[in-house]
Every structure is written in structure tokens, then in C-alpha cells.
Amino acid sequence: MKDFYLTETIKHYWEIVDPYLNNEEERDLFGLCMNTIVKKRDEMGLPERPKGRPKTVLQFKDTNNEYPEKVKKAIIEIKKEVKQMQEAYRKYKEETKKQKEEKQKVKEEKQKAKEQNQSYDNMKSIHRTNNINKENK
């Protein structure tokens, strides 16, 4: 998604979720590419992840342990925010597409009017030269 921005609610919930999810899971949660996730983490001031597998992620991965309730709620809220952003972006793209189409129609109409006017001027000039030739005879 191109129009992803950090709102205060996303920042708040991302700080809650961060210790429990790795970058790939965050990427899937937000629907962004990995580079954008890393940039947004830097913008938020979250610490850079160490190389290798984080210990906090390992205790929840491939086990029966579940995330705490506050993390589950934070994930739900993040999904809601991201969905709202996606819908707003989709509406914006549709509106800009309609505006471009309208501009194109107006441009085409102006071009047609210009061509008609030009053809009319050409006809006038042809008849004018014929009249001049007739007068000279």
C-alpha cells in the first residue's frame, strides 16, 4: 500500500506488538514490504532487531503458547486501521481516475472544436481564393 502513514494509534499498538512478532509477521500484518517496515521502525524509534532469531519470538512460534490478550487486541486494532487506510487509498485512486478521465474528455472536446474551427477557416480561405480568381477574370 502506497499511502501508509503512522497514526498515533498504530504507533501505540505497534509498540505493544513489537516484542512478539518478527519482521515477516509485521510485514503481513501491515501489508507492506520489508524495506518499508524497517523504515517505519526507524521513524518510530523502535530498536533495530538483532541478527538471527529473536528469543521472544521463539517462545511463541511452533508451540501451544498464545499471545497475551493485550497483544491480540492490538493486532485486531492494527488490522482495523490498516483496512481503513486501504479503503481511503482505494477511494482516492478512484476519484483521481475519474478526474483524469473527465480532463481527458474536456481535452478531446477542445481538440475537436479546434479541428472543426480550423476546417471551417480552411474552407473560407478556399472560397476566398476562388472568389478572388473569379473577380480577376
Protein backbone atom coordinates (compact mmCIF):
# COMPACT_ATOMS: atom_id res chain seq x y z
CA MET A 1 0.00 0.00 0.00
CA LYS A 2 1.46 3.35 -1.00
CA ASP A 3 -0.38 5.65 1.37
CA PHE A 4 0.63 4.04 4.66
CA TYR A 5 1.26 6.55 7.42
CA LEU A 6 1.91 6.20 11.10
CA THR A 7 -1.03 7.34 13.18
CA GLU A 8 -0.82 7.62 16.94
CA THR A 9 -2.97 4.51 17.41
CA ILE A 10 -0.77 2.47 15.08
CA LYS A 11 2.35 3.66 16.88
CA HIS A 12 0.83 2.75 20.25
CA TYR A 13 -0.27 -0.73 19.19
CA TRP A 14 2.91 -1.40 17.23
CA GLU A 15 4.96 -0.85 20.39
CA ILE A 16 2.79 -3.42 22.17
CA VAL A 17 3.04 -5.98 19.36
CA ASP A 18 6.71 -5.46 18.50
CA PRO A 19 8.35 -7.86 21.00
CA TYR A 20 6.05 -10.72 19.98
CA LEU A 21 6.22 -10.53 16.17
CA ASN A 22 9.15 -10.77 13.83
CA ASN A 23 9.59 -8.56 10.76
CA GLU A 24 7.86 -11.01 8.43
CA GLU A 25 4.78 -11.22 10.62
CA GLU A 26 4.70 -7.43 10.91
CA ARG A 27 5.02 -7.19 7.14
CA ASP A 28 1.99 -9.46 6.72
CA LEU A 29 0.05 -7.59 9.41
CA PHE A 30 0.57 -4.16 7.82
CA GLY A 31 0.59 -5.31 4.20
CA LEU A 32 3.89 -3.59 3.47
CA CYS A 33 7.22 -4.65 2.02
CA MET A 34 10.18 -5.39 4.30
CA ASN A 35 12.07 -2.19 3.43
CA THR A 36 9.08 -0.07 4.40
CA ILE A 37 8.72 -1.95 7.69
CA VAL A 38 12.37 -1.23 8.53
CA LYS A 39 11.99 2.47 7.59
CA LYS A 40 8.83 2.86 9.65
CA ARG A 41 10.51 1.16 12.61
CA ASP A 42 13.30 3.73 12.36
CA GLU A 43 10.75 6.56 12.16
CA MET A 44 9.05 5.28 15.30
CA GLY A 45 12.31 4.92 17.17
CA LEU A 46 11.96 1.19 17.74
CA PRO A 47 15.27 -0.57 18.32
CA GLU A 48 16.92 -2.34 15.42
CA ARG A 49 16.35 -6.06 15.52
CA PRO A 50 19.40 -8.20 16.23
CA LYS A 51 20.55 -10.64 13.60
CA GLY A 52 19.29 -14.18 13.97
CA ARG A 53 16.16 -15.44 15.65
CA PRO A 54 14.82 -13.32 18.49
CA LYS A 55 14.23 -15.21 21.73
CA THR A 56 10.82 -13.68 22.37
CA VAL A 57 9.55 -14.89 19.01
CA LEU A 58 10.88 -18.41 19.52
CA GLN A 59 8.84 -18.96 22.65
CA PHE A 60 5.60 -18.34 20.76
CA LYS A 61 6.48 -19.97 17.46
CA ASP A 62 5.54 -23.61 16.86
CA THR A 63 4.20 -24.03 20.39
CA ASN A 64 0.81 -24.03 22.01
CA ASN A 65 1.55 -20.74 23.77
CA GLU A 66 -0.80 -17.98 22.78
CA TYR A 67 -0.20 -14.25 22.69
CA PRO A 68 -1.35 -12.26 25.71
CA GLU A 69 -4.77 -10.61 25.46
CA LYS A 70 -3.35 -7.10 25.03
CA VAL A 71 -1.32 -8.30 22.02
CA LYS A 72 -4.37 -9.94 20.46
CA LYS A 73 -6.38 -6.73 20.90
CA ALA A 74 -3.51 -4.68 19.47
CA ILE A 75 -3.36 -6.91 16.37
CA ILE A 76 -7.10 -6.50 15.82
CA GLU A 77 -6.86 -2.72 16.16
CA ILE A 78 -3.92 -2.55 13.76
CA LYS A 79 -5.84 -4.58 11.20
CA LYS A 80 -8.79 -2.17 11.50
CA GLU A 81 -6.55 0.88 11.00
CA VAL A 82 -4.77 -0.66 8.02
CA LYS A 83 -8.09 -1.63 6.43
CA GLN A 84 -9.37 1.93 6.82
CA MET A 85 -6.20 3.28 5.19
CA GLN A 86 -6.54 0.83 2.30
CA GLU A 87 -10.17 1.82 1.72
CA ALA A 88 -9.30 5.52 1.82
CA TYR A 89 -6.46 4.97 -0.64
CA ARG A 90 -8.72 2.98 -2.96
CA LYS A 91 -11.36 5.74 -2.91
CA TYR A 92 -8.68 8.35 -3.58
CA LYS A 93 -7.37 6.38 -6.56
CA GLU A 94 -10.89 6.01 -7.98
CA GLU A 95 -11.55 9.73 -7.62
CA THR A 96 -8.29 10.68 -9.29
CA LYS A 97 -9.01 8.22 -12.09
CA LYS A 98 -12.43 9.82 -12.66
CA GLN A 99 -10.88 13.30 -12.63
CA LYS A 100 -8.28 12.23 -15.19
CA GLU A 101 -11.00 10.77 -17.42
CA GLU A 102 -13.02 13.99 -17.19
CA LYS A 103 -9.95 16.09 -18.03
CA GLN A 104 -9.25 13.82 -21.00
CA LYS A 105 -12.83 14.22 -22.27
CA VAL A 106 -12.63 18.00 -21.99
CA LYS A 107 -9.29 17.98 -23.78
CA GLU A 108 -10.69 15.83 -26.59
CA GLU A 109 -13.72 18.11 -26.94
CA LYS A 110 -11.48 21.16 -27.17
CA GLN A 111 -9.34 19.39 -29.77
CA LYS A 112 -12.44 18.51 -31.85
CA ALA A 113 -13.72 22.08 -31.65
CA LYS A 114 -10.32 23.36 -32.69
CA GLU A 115 -10.20 20.96 -35.65
CA GLN A 116 -13.72 21.96 -36.75
CA ASN A 117 -12.84 25.62 -36.47
CA GLN A 118 -9.66 25.04 -38.45
CA SER A 119 -11.51 23.16 -41.20
CA TYR A 120 -14.05 25.99 -41.38
CA ASP A 121 -11.21 28.51 -41.74
CA ASN A 122 -9.68 26.36 -44.49
CA MET A 123 -13.00 26.30 -46.35
CA LYS A 124 -13.30 30.07 -46.06
CA SER A 125 -9.82 30.56 -47.43
CA ILE A 126 -10.51 28.22 -50.37
CA HIS A 127 -13.70 30.05 -51.25
CA ARG A 128 -12.00 33.39 -50.77
CA THR A 129 -9.27 32.48 -53.26
CA ASN A 130 -11.88 31.22 -55.72
CA ASN A 131 -13.77 34.50 -55.46
CA ILE A 132 -10.57 36.45 -56.00
CA ASN A 133 -9.77 34.38 -59.06
CA LYS A 134 -13.28 34.95 -60.44
CA GLU A 135 -13.00 38.70 -59.92
CA ASN A 136 -9.67 38.83 -61.72
CA LYS A 137 -11.12 37.17 -64.83
